[in-house]
Amino acid sequence: MSSSKQALTYRAAGVDIDAGEEVVERIKPLVARTFRKEVMAGLGGFGALFELAGRYADPVLVSGTDGVGTKLKLAQQLNRHDTIGIDLVAMCVNDVLVQGAEPLFFLDYFATGKLDVETTVAVVGGIAKGCEMAGCALIGGETAEMPDMYAPGEYDLAGFNVGAVEKSKLIDGSKIHAGDAIVGIASSGPHSNGYSLIRKIVQRSGNPFDLELGGVKLADALMAPTTIYVRPVLEFLRSRPVHGMAHITGGGLTENIIRVVPDALGIALDSSMWKLPAVFDWLQREGNVAKAEMWRTFNCGIGYTLIVPRDAAAASIAALAKLGLPAWTIGEVVPARGDERVHIA
């Protein structure tokens, strides 16, 4: 007996396998450029293989996972998809770098309601570029097409990476003591944090994306990729004393540096030591954002910090400058004063 029901396919249900296969074929050469000699298999296997033997004497693996928050919404609004992948990599690899680890490999997750090949290739191309910048192999990932889960044109991203460091060189903050200097390294902009507030300010201001701020359009300032600090900082660590490091992400300056400082100590920051970049100045004025809110939401121009011996601060700043990283002494480690461990002047 024949059925009167129309025959259904996966494509009719909203999933285009052919589009997914086209994406894989187009990203293969981009991914291949990120491979290191330790990668044991190409893209497409059920599991990715990475050989660690022989590289470290006593390795500690350091893992991290992250996303880029609602900066994704801005990327989709502006139709700029080629650099958001750099942000994704940066948010992950800068985190494992904090403990002195070299990022080894990276995996990504891309999810959307309807797969657009060009957009997907642009996003993954950015991820591959970010991995190249970090010296990290992109060895796997997932591209998920899920009808009815996302509005047209929307997609979501997540990243995961693993790094390694010799156990004897692990940076855990245990050497930090009162009097140590806090060296702040410049950010490229808001990086990938605070964008729910940023988008609210921009929307309330009439979306002035062509506004010039210090010679840069607002759209470009807000979409500037998160700085990847990996290569220069690893080079710095080879010859310089560092007691602790912090990646300035969600929570801003007030909540990230203190995470690596022992409980009996606090930090005192001096905001006069560096100039607030134009994009942050505009956000503060247009949003009427209080200073305390700025410090705990944005990086305010400081994307990464090093805690070094006081007498090593000047030499550290000079060495970082030679590595292409502008930096300033922005504060010091102090004895804790009760529950108030963070002070910003």
Protein backbone atom coordinates (compact mmCIF):
# COMPACT_ATOMS: atom_id res chain seq x y z
CA MET A 1 0.00 0.00 0.00
CA SER A 2 1.50 3.35 -1.02
CA SER A 3 1.81 6.26 1.40
CA SER A 4 0.31 9.65 0.59
CA LYS A 5 2.86 11.40 2.76
CA GLN A 6 5.59 13.42 1.03
CA ALA A 7 9.03 11.86 1.28
CA LEU A 8 11.27 13.91 3.55
CA THR A 9 15.04 14.45 3.45
CA TYR A 10 17.58 15.92 5.83
CA ARG A 11 17.87 18.92 3.50
CA ALA A 12 14.10 19.42 3.59
CA ALA A 13 14.37 19.41 7.39
CA GLY A 14 16.90 22.25 7.16
CA VAL A 15 20.29 20.53 7.21
CA ASP A 16 22.41 20.75 4.06
CA ILE A 17 25.08 18.04 4.21
CA ASP A 18 26.54 19.15 0.86
CA ALA A 19 27.10 22.68 2.21
CA GLY A 20 28.85 21.22 5.23
CA GLU A 21 31.14 19.16 3.03
CA GLU A 22 31.94 22.23 0.93
CA VAL A 23 32.93 24.12 4.07
CA VAL A 24 35.27 21.30 5.12
CA GLU A 25 36.96 21.20 1.72
CA ARG A 26 37.44 24.96 1.62
CA ILE A 27 38.90 25.23 5.11
CA LYS A 28 41.33 22.30 4.75
CA PRO A 29 44.18 24.40 3.30
CA LEU A 30 43.58 27.12 5.92
CA VAL A 31 43.74 24.56 8.72
CA ALA A 32 46.79 22.82 7.26
CA ARG A 33 48.82 26.03 7.60
CA THR A 34 48.38 25.86 11.38
CA PHE A 35 49.77 22.34 11.77
CA ARG A 36 52.88 21.72 13.84
CA LYS A 37 55.16 18.69 13.52
CA GLU A 38 53.43 17.11 16.54
CA VAL A 39 50.10 16.82 14.68
CA MET A 40 49.69 13.19 13.66
CA ALA A 41 46.60 13.28 11.43
CA GLY A 42 44.81 15.63 9.08
CA LEU A 43 41.37 17.21 9.39
CA GLY A 44 38.38 14.88 9.22
CA GLY A 45 39.07 12.09 11.68
CA PHE A 46 36.86 11.23 14.63
CA GLY A 47 39.59 12.31 17.01
CA ALA A 48 42.60 14.58 16.59
CA LEU A 49 46.06 13.26 17.42
CA PHE A 50 48.90 15.30 18.88
CA GLU A 51 52.23 13.76 19.93
CA LEU A 52 53.74 15.26 23.07
CA ALA A 53 56.62 12.82 23.66
CA GLY A 54 60.14 14.23 23.51
CA ARG A 55 59.19 17.91 23.71
CA TYR A 56 58.96 18.27 27.50
CA ALA A 57 60.83 16.59 30.35
CA ASP A 58 58.09 16.99 32.96
CA PRO A 59 55.08 18.60 31.27
CA VAL A 60 51.97 20.05 32.86
CA LEU A 61 48.99 20.41 30.53
CA VAL A 62 46.99 23.63 30.81
CA SER A 63 43.55 23.79 29.18
CA GLY A 64 41.11 26.60 28.53
CA THR A 65 37.77 27.19 26.83
CA ASP A 66 35.97 30.42 25.97
CA GLY A 67 33.80 32.31 23.54
CA VAL A 68 33.60 35.91 22.34
CA GLY A 69 30.34 36.94 24.00
CA THR A 70 28.01 39.35 22.28
CA LYS A 71 30.78 40.76 20.12
CA LEU A 72 29.27 38.13 17.81
CA LYS A 73 26.11 40.24 17.56
CA LEU A 74 28.16 43.22 16.44
CA ALA A 75 30.05 41.14 13.88
CA GLN A 76 26.74 39.95 12.46
CA GLN A 77 25.25 43.44 12.51
CA LEU A 78 28.26 44.85 10.60
CA ASN A 79 28.60 41.76 8.40
CA ARG A 80 32.25 41.39 9.43
CA HIS A 81 33.09 37.74 9.90
CA ASP A 82 36.79 37.46 9.04
CA THR A 83 38.34 38.52 12.35
CA ILE A 84 35.91 37.22 14.99
CA GLY A 85 37.75 33.89 14.83
CA ILE A 86 40.97 35.64 15.86
CA ASP A 87 39.09 36.88 18.93
CA LEU A 88 38.02 33.33 19.74
CA VAL A 89 41.57 31.99 19.61
CA ALA A 90 42.95 34.94 21.56
CA MET A 91 40.49 34.54 24.40
CA CYS A 92 41.60 30.94 24.88
CA VAL A 93 45.34 31.03 24.22
CA ASN A 94 45.96 34.16 26.29
CA ASP A 95 44.33 32.38 29.23
CA VAL A 96 46.66 29.36 29.16
CA LEU A 97 49.62 31.69 28.60
CA VAL A 98 49.00 33.17 32.07
CA GLN A 99 50.56 30.08 33.66
CA GLY A 100 53.51 30.12 31.31
CA ALA A 101 52.08 27.51 28.97
CA GLU A 102 52.68 27.33 25.23
CA PRO A 103 49.37 26.70 23.41
CA LEU A 104 49.67 23.43 21.49
CA PHE A 105 46.35 22.75 19.81
CA PHE A 106 42.91 24.25 19.37
CA LEU A 107 39.39 23.01 18.61
CA ASP A 108 36.43 25.15 17.62
CA TYR A 109 32.63 24.87 17.69
CA PHE A 110 30.55 26.77 15.12
CA ALA A 111 26.75 26.51 15.31
CA THR A 112 24.10 28.13 13.14
CA GLY A 113 20.51 27.65 12.06
CA LYS A 114 21.27 27.56 8.32
CA LEU A 115 24.80 27.09 7.06
CA ASP A 116 26.09 29.91 4.86
CA VAL A 117 29.27 28.65 3.25
CA GLU A 118 30.92 32.05 2.74
CA THR A 119 30.27 33.21 6.29
CA THR A 120 31.43 29.92 7.79
CA VAL A 121 34.64 29.86 5.76
CA ALA A 122 35.34 33.49 6.75
CA VAL A 123 34.86 32.70 10.44
CA VAL A 124 36.95 29.53 10.39
CA GLY A 125 39.55 31.33 8.31
CA GLY A 126 39.87 33.82 11.15
CA ILE A 127 40.25 30.99 13.63
CA ALA A 128 43.01 29.49 11.50
CA LYS A 129 44.77 32.85 11.27
CA GLY A 130 44.55 33.26 15.04
CA CYS A 131 46.07 29.82 15.52
CA GLU A 132 48.92 30.70 13.16
CA MET A 133 49.55 33.87 15.15
CA ALA A 134 49.67 31.86 18.39
CA GLY A 135 51.72 28.97 16.96
CA CYS A 136 48.82 26.69 17.90
CA ALA A 137 47.55 23.86 15.66
CA LEU A 138 43.87 23.86 14.69
CA ILE A 139 43.36 20.11 14.78
CA GLY A 140 39.60 19.70 14.95
CA GLY A 141 36.20 21.18 15.56
CA GLU A 142 32.48 20.93 14.97
CA THR A 143 30.28 22.74 12.47
CA ALA A 144 26.66 22.31 13.53
CA GLU A 145 23.67 23.27 11.41
CA MET A 146 20.62 23.31 13.68
CA PRO A 147 17.37 24.56 12.13
CA ASP A 148 15.10 26.62 14.39
CA MET A 149 17.85 27.13 17.01
CA TYR A 150 19.12 30.47 15.67
CA ALA A 151 17.59 33.41 13.82
CA PRO A 152 18.61 33.86 10.16
CA GLY A 153 22.20 35.09 9.89
CA GLU A 154 23.05 34.23 13.49
CA TYR A 155 25.77 31.84 14.62
CA ASP A 156 27.57 30.97 17.83
CA LEU A 157 31.21 30.19 18.55
CA ALA A 158 33.19 28.41 21.24
CA GLY A 159 36.83 27.42 21.43
CA PHE A 160 38.96 24.99 23.41
CA ASN A 161 42.72 24.73 23.63
CA VAL A 162 45.45 22.81 25.41
CA GLY A 163 48.89 24.12 26.24
CA ALA A 164 51.91 22.74 28.07
CA VAL A 165 54.62 24.04 30.36
CA GLU A 166 57.52 22.42 32.15
CA LYS A 167 56.43 21.83 35.74
CA SER A 168 59.51 23.66 37.04
CA LYS A 169 58.55 26.75 34.98
CA LEU A 170 54.88 26.88 35.90
CA ILE A 171 53.82 30.42 36.85
CA ASP A 172 51.24 30.17 39.64
CA GLY A 173 51.65 33.43 41.58
CA SER A 174 53.34 31.80 44.55
CA LYS A 175 56.45 34.00 44.12
CA ILE A 176 54.49 37.27 44.24
CA HIS A 177 55.31 39.50 47.19
CA ALA A 178 54.60 43.05 48.35
CA GLY A 179 56.58 45.62 46.37
CA ASP A 180 56.43 43.75 43.07
CA ALA A 181 55.61 45.96 40.09
CA ILE A 182 52.55 45.43 37.90
CA VAL A 183 53.38 45.96 34.23
CA GLY A 184 50.43 46.51 31.93
CA ILE A 185 50.61 45.66 28.22
CA ALA A 186 48.45 47.59 25.76
CA SER A 187 45.23 46.13 24.39
CA SER A 188 44.00 46.64 20.83
CA GLY A 189 40.62 47.87 22.09
CA PRO A 190 37.78 46.33 24.09
CA HIS A 191 39.00 42.89 22.94
CA SER A 192 36.02 40.55 23.53
CA ASN A 193 34.51 41.76 26.78
CA GLY A 194 31.80 44.19 27.81
CA TYR A 195 29.98 44.08 24.48
CA SER A 196 26.51 43.85 25.96
CA LEU A 197 27.15 47.27 27.49
CA ILE A 198 28.99 48.49 24.38
CA ARG A 199 26.09 47.56 22.10
CA LYS A 200 23.63 49.30 24.43
CA ILE A 201 25.72 52.50 24.35
CA VAL A 202 26.15 52.36 20.57
CA GLN A 203 22.45 51.74 20.00
CA ARG A 204 21.43 54.58 22.31
CA SER A 205 23.86 56.87 20.45
CA GLY A 206 22.26 56.11 17.08
CA ASN A 207 24.77 53.51 15.83
CA PRO A 208 27.43 56.09 14.74
CA PHE A 209 29.77 53.46 13.29
CA ASP A 210 31.48 55.96 10.94
CA LEU A 211 32.39 58.28 13.83
CA GLU A 212 36.13 59.04 13.89
CA LEU A 213 37.88 58.37 17.19
CA GLY A 214 41.55 59.22 17.14
CA GLY A 215 41.69 58.61 13.40
CA VAL A 216 39.86 55.29 13.59
CA LYS A 217 36.20 54.70 12.80
CA LEU A 218 34.10 53.49 15.71
CA ALA A 219 33.20 50.28 13.87
CA ASP A 220 36.89 49.47 13.33
CA ALA A 221 37.79 50.30 16.93
CA LEU A 222 35.06 48.01 18.27
CA MET A 223 35.84 45.16 15.86
CA ALA A 224 39.63 45.27 16.30
CA PRO A 225 40.67 41.67 17.04
CA THR A 226 41.80 40.74 20.53
CA THR A 227 45.59 40.90 20.78
CA ILE A 228 47.28 37.50 20.86
CA TYR A 229 50.14 37.89 23.32
CA VAL A 230 51.53 34.37 23.06
CA ARG A 231 54.68 34.59 20.94
CA PRO A 232 56.20 37.79 22.39
CA VAL A 233 55.37 36.88 26.00
CA LEU A 234 56.83 33.37 25.63
CA GLU A 235 59.96 34.98 24.19
CA PHE A 236 60.02 37.41 27.12
CA LEU A 237 59.74 34.56 29.64
CA ARG A 238 62.88 32.90 28.33
CA SER A 239 65.12 35.52 29.89
CA ARG A 240 63.08 37.66 32.29
CA PRO A 241 61.81 37.06 35.85
CA VAL A 242 58.00 36.97 36.09
CA HIS A 243 56.14 36.21 39.32
CA GLY A 244 52.61 36.27 37.91
CA MET A 245 50.52 37.15 34.86
CA ALA A 246 46.87 37.99 34.18
CA HIS A 247 44.75 38.18 31.04
CA ILE A 248 42.36 41.13 31.38
CA THR A 249 38.97 39.78 30.29
CA GLY A 250 35.49 39.86 31.84
CA GLY A 251 35.77 41.61 35.20
CA GLY A 252 38.26 44.12 33.84
CA LEU A 253 41.26 45.38 35.78
CA THR A 254 39.65 45.08 39.19
CA GLU A 255 38.81 41.39 39.06
CA ASN A 256 41.48 39.72 36.91
CA ILE A 257 44.87 40.76 38.28
CA ILE A 258 43.88 39.92 41.85
CA ARG A 259 43.03 36.35 40.79
CA VAL A 260 46.74 35.48 40.62
CA VAL A 261 47.79 37.36 43.77
CA PRO A 262 48.11 35.44 47.09
CA ASP A 263 45.32 36.10 49.61
CA ALA A 264 47.49 38.08 52.03
CA LEU A 265 48.28 40.65 49.34
CA GLY A 266 46.44 43.26 47.33
CA ILE A 267 47.11 45.53 44.36
CA ALA A 268 47.26 49.30 43.96
CA LEU A 269 46.81 50.62 40.40
CA ASP A 270 47.51 54.15 39.19
CA SER A 271 45.34 55.05 36.19
CA SER A 272 47.46 58.12 35.44
CA MET A 273 50.28 55.87 34.24
CA TRP A 274 48.64 55.23 30.87
CA LYS A 275 46.24 57.13 28.63
CA LEU A 276 42.69 55.85 28.31
CA PRO A 277 42.31 54.99 24.59
CA ALA A 278 39.80 57.05 22.59
CA VAL A 279 37.25 54.26 22.22
CA PHE A 280 37.01 53.79 26.00
CA ASP A 281 36.81 57.54 26.56
CA TRP A 282 33.90 57.68 24.09
CA LEU A 283 32.12 54.73 25.73
CA GLN A 284 32.48 56.30 29.17
CA ARG A 285 31.13 59.67 28.03
CA GLU A 286 28.32 58.40 25.80
CA GLY A 287 27.18 55.80 28.30
CA ASN A 288 27.73 58.01 31.34
CA VAL A 289 29.56 55.02 32.77
CA ALA A 290 31.01 55.43 36.27
CA LYS A 291 34.75 54.91 36.67
CA ALA A 292 34.26 51.91 38.93
CA GLU A 293 32.01 50.33 36.31
CA MET A 294 34.60 50.99 33.60
CA TRP A 295 37.35 49.26 35.62
CA ARG A 296 35.27 46.14 36.29
CA THR A 297 33.79 45.84 32.79
CA PHE A 298 36.52 46.82 30.32
CA ASN A 299 40.28 46.38 30.02
CA CYS A 300 40.55 50.20 29.59
CA GLY A 301 43.59 49.85 27.33
CA ILE A 302 45.46 47.16 29.31
CA GLY A 303 44.96 43.69 27.84
CA TYR A 304 47.56 41.67 29.73
CA THR A 305 49.65 42.20 32.86
CA LEU A 306 52.91 40.90 34.26
CA ILE A 307 53.92 41.00 37.90
CA VAL A 308 57.70 41.37 38.13
CA PRO A 309 60.29 42.32 40.77
CA ARG A 310 60.26 46.08 41.31
CA ASP A 311 63.87 46.48 40.12
CA ALA A 312 63.06 44.58 36.91
CA ALA A 313 60.14 46.78 35.82
CA ALA A 314 62.04 49.28 33.62
CA ALA A 315 64.04 46.56 31.87
CA SER A 316 60.86 44.52 31.38
CA ILE A 317 59.08 47.43 29.70
CA ALA A 318 62.06 48.01 27.41
CA ALA A 319 62.21 44.32 26.49
CA LEU A 320 58.48 44.21 25.78
CA ALA A 321 58.78 47.28 23.54
CA LYS A 322 61.43 45.47 21.47
CA LEU A 323 58.96 42.60 21.09
CA GLY A 324 56.30 44.99 19.78
CA LEU A 325 54.29 45.30 22.99
CA PRO A 326 53.82 48.82 24.44
CA ALA A 327 53.76 48.58 28.23
CA TRP A 328 53.77 50.70 31.38
CA THR A 329 54.22 50.21 35.10
CA ILE A 330 50.59 50.59 36.20
CA GLY A 331 50.80 49.71 39.88
CA GLU A 332 52.29 47.50 42.55
CA VAL A 333 51.52 44.63 44.87
CA VAL A 334 50.75 45.78 48.41
CA PRO A 335 49.77 44.14 51.70
CA ALA A 336 46.04 43.44 51.83
CA ARG A 337 43.95 45.93 53.77
CA GLY A 338 41.15 43.82 55.16
CA ASP A 339 38.66 42.77 52.51
CA GLU A 340 39.67 45.63 50.21
CA ARG A 341 42.37 44.07 48.06
CA VAL A 342 42.08 46.23 44.93
CA HIS A 343 42.70 49.98 44.87
CA ILE A 344 42.67 52.17 41.75
CA ALA A 345 43.69 55.81 41.93
